[in-house]
Amino acid sequence: LPQGATAARIDYGVAGWGGVCPPQGDKPHRYIFTVHALKDKLTVPPDATAALTGYMINGNSLGKASFSAKYGRAKAK
């Protein structure tokens, strides 16, 4: 992360990025990525939940952009 940036706690209960990992052999899953332009630097504690962080982001957002991508994993041989 850039200097001064903070990784929020994700739904896995740890700070950082958990990545995508759909089950092998499933049809590709759709993932939506969203970035926000914020009015101010967020002041959330390091142990804040993903829900609280999302709430703070949405309340401080000037605008946002999203894109979706599909990803699947081939069945194991």
C-alpha atoms as a PDB file:
ATOM      1  CA  LEU A   1       0.000   0.000   0.000  1.00  0.00           C
ATOM      2  CA  PRO A   2       1.131   3.585  -0.513  1.00  0.00           C
ATOM      3  CA  GLN A   3       2.579   5.422   2.473  1.00  0.00           C
ATOM      4  CA  GLY A   4      -0.256   6.662   4.705  1.00  0.00           C
ATOM      5  CA  ALA A   5      -2.750   4.092   3.374  1.00  0.00           C
ATOM      6  CA  THR A   6      -4.436   1.581   5.660  1.00  0.00           C
ATOM      7  CA  ALA A   7      -5.793  -1.860   4.836  1.00  0.00           C
ATOM      8  CA  ALA A   8      -9.254  -2.347   6.306  1.00  0.00           C
ATOM      9  CA  ARG A   9     -10.379  -5.536   8.010  1.00  0.00           C
ATOM     10  CA  ILE A  10     -12.217  -7.702   5.503  1.00  0.00           C
ATOM     11  CA  ASP A  11     -14.954 -10.296   5.964  1.00  0.00           C
ATOM     12  CA  TYR A  12     -12.277 -12.926   6.677  1.00  0.00           C
ATOM     13  CA  GLY A  13     -11.556 -11.007   9.901  1.00  0.00           C
ATOM     14  CA  VAL A  14      -8.058  -9.840   8.937  1.00  0.00           C
ATOM     15  CA  ALA A  15      -6.734  -6.635   7.394  1.00  0.00           C
ATOM     16  CA  GLY A  16      -5.800  -6.801   3.727  1.00  0.00           C
ATOM     17  CA  TRP A  17      -7.023  -8.419   0.542  1.00  0.00           C
ATOM     18  CA  GLY A  18      -8.375 -11.975   0.554  1.00  0.00           C
ATOM     19  CA  GLY A  19      -8.643 -12.382  -3.184  1.00  0.00           C
ATOM     20  CA  VAL A  20     -11.167 -14.369  -5.133  1.00  0.00           C
ATOM     21  CA  CYS A  21     -11.266 -18.148  -5.099  1.00  0.00           C
ATOM     22  CA  PRO A  22     -14.431 -19.697  -6.521  1.00  0.00           C
ATOM     23  CA  PRO A  23     -14.820 -23.464  -6.166  1.00  0.00           C
ATOM     24  CA  GLN A  24     -13.048 -25.498  -8.828  1.00  0.00           C
ATOM     25  CA  GLY A  25     -15.354 -26.522 -11.647  1.00  0.00           C
ATOM     26  CA  ASP A  26     -18.029 -23.884 -10.898  1.00  0.00           C
ATOM     27  CA  LYS A  27     -19.082 -21.625 -13.724  1.00  0.00           C
ATOM     28  CA  PRO A  28     -17.216 -18.287 -13.516  1.00  0.00           C
ATOM     29  CA  HIS A  29     -18.333 -16.063 -10.645  1.00  0.00           C
ATOM     30  CA  ARG A  30     -18.938 -12.330 -11.105  1.00  0.00           C
ATOM     31  CA  TYR A  31     -16.953  -9.915  -8.942  1.00  0.00           C
ATOM     32  CA  ILE A  32     -17.645  -6.185  -8.635  1.00  0.00           C
ATOM     33  CA  PHE A  33     -14.809  -3.791  -7.794  1.00  0.00           C
ATOM     34  CA  THR A  34     -15.663  -0.253  -6.678  1.00  0.00           C
ATOM     35  CA  VAL A  35     -13.391   2.724  -6.014  1.00  0.00           C
ATOM     36  CA  HIS A  36     -14.525   5.889  -4.236  1.00  0.00           C
ATOM     37  CA  ALA A  37     -13.288   9.483  -4.302  1.00  0.00           C
ATOM     38  CA  LEU A  38     -13.462  10.634  -0.668  1.00  0.00           C
ATOM     39  CA  LYS A  39     -14.028  14.126   0.751  1.00  0.00           C
ATOM     40  CA  ASP A  40     -11.690  13.560   3.691  1.00  0.00           C
ATOM     41  CA  LYS A  41      -9.248  10.997   4.994  1.00  0.00           C
ATOM     42  CA  LEU A  42     -11.143   8.310   6.878  1.00  0.00           C
ATOM     43  CA  THR A  43     -10.504   7.961  10.582  1.00  0.00           C
ATOM     44  CA  VAL A  44     -11.543   4.412  11.350  1.00  0.00           C
ATOM     45  CA  PRO A  45      -9.756   2.284  13.940  1.00  0.00           C
ATOM     46  CA  PRO A  46      -7.514  -0.509  12.603  1.00  0.00           C
ATOM     47  CA  ASP A  47      -9.863  -3.155  14.022  1.00  0.00           C
ATOM     48  CA  ALA A  48     -13.012  -1.647  12.453  1.00  0.00           C
ATOM     49  CA  THR A  49     -15.308  -4.151  10.778  1.00  0.00           C
ATOM     50  CA  ALA A  50     -15.810  -4.192   7.013  1.00  0.00           C
ATOM     51  CA  ALA A  51     -19.388  -3.009   7.622  1.00  0.00           C
ATOM     52  CA  LEU A  52     -18.254   0.046   9.610  1.00  0.00           C
ATOM     53  CA  THR A  53     -15.558   0.868   7.066  1.00  0.00           C
ATOM     54  CA  GLY A  54     -18.094   0.636   4.216  1.00  0.00           C
ATOM     55  CA  TYR A  55     -20.511   2.856   6.125  1.00  0.00           C
ATOM     56  CA  MET A  56     -17.798   5.473   6.650  1.00  0.00           C
ATOM     57  CA  ILE A  57     -16.738   5.306   2.989  1.00  0.00           C
ATOM     58  CA  ASN A  58     -20.308   5.747   1.718  1.00  0.00           C
ATOM     59  CA  GLY A  59     -20.891   8.701   4.044  1.00  0.00           C
ATOM     60  CA  ASN A  60     -17.697  10.393   2.844  1.00  0.00           C
ATOM     61  CA  SER A  61     -17.893   9.574  -0.890  1.00  0.00           C
ATOM     62  CA  LEU A  62     -17.806  12.302  -3.546  1.00  0.00           C
ATOM     63  CA  GLY A  63     -18.285   9.750  -6.287  1.00  0.00           C
ATOM     64  CA  LYS A  64     -17.543   6.185  -7.231  1.00  0.00           C
ATOM     65  CA  ALA A  65     -16.832   3.964 -10.208  1.00  0.00           C
ATOM     66  CA  SER A  66     -17.328   0.222 -10.512  1.00  0.00           C
ATOM     67  CA  PHE A  67     -16.418  -2.521 -12.917  1.00  0.00           C
ATOM     68  CA  SER A  68     -17.236  -6.195 -12.921  1.00  0.00           C
ATOM     69  CA  ALA A  69     -15.145  -9.166 -13.897  1.00  0.00           C
ATOM     70  CA  LYS A  70     -15.795 -12.889 -14.145  1.00  0.00           C
ATOM     71  CA  TYR A  71     -13.386 -15.498 -12.869  1.00  0.00           C
ATOM     72  CA  GLY A  72     -13.574 -19.253 -12.645  1.00  0.00           C
ATOM     73  CA  ARG A  73     -11.231 -22.121 -11.894  1.00  0.00           C
ATOM     74  CA  ALA A  74     -11.067 -25.233 -14.031  1.00  0.00           C
ATOM     75  CA  LYS A  75     -11.989 -28.550 -12.476  1.00  0.00           C
ATOM     76  CA  ALA A  76      -8.964 -30.316 -10.960  1.00  0.00           C
ATOM     77  CA  LYS A  77      -7.571 -33.183 -13.036  1.00  0.00           C
END
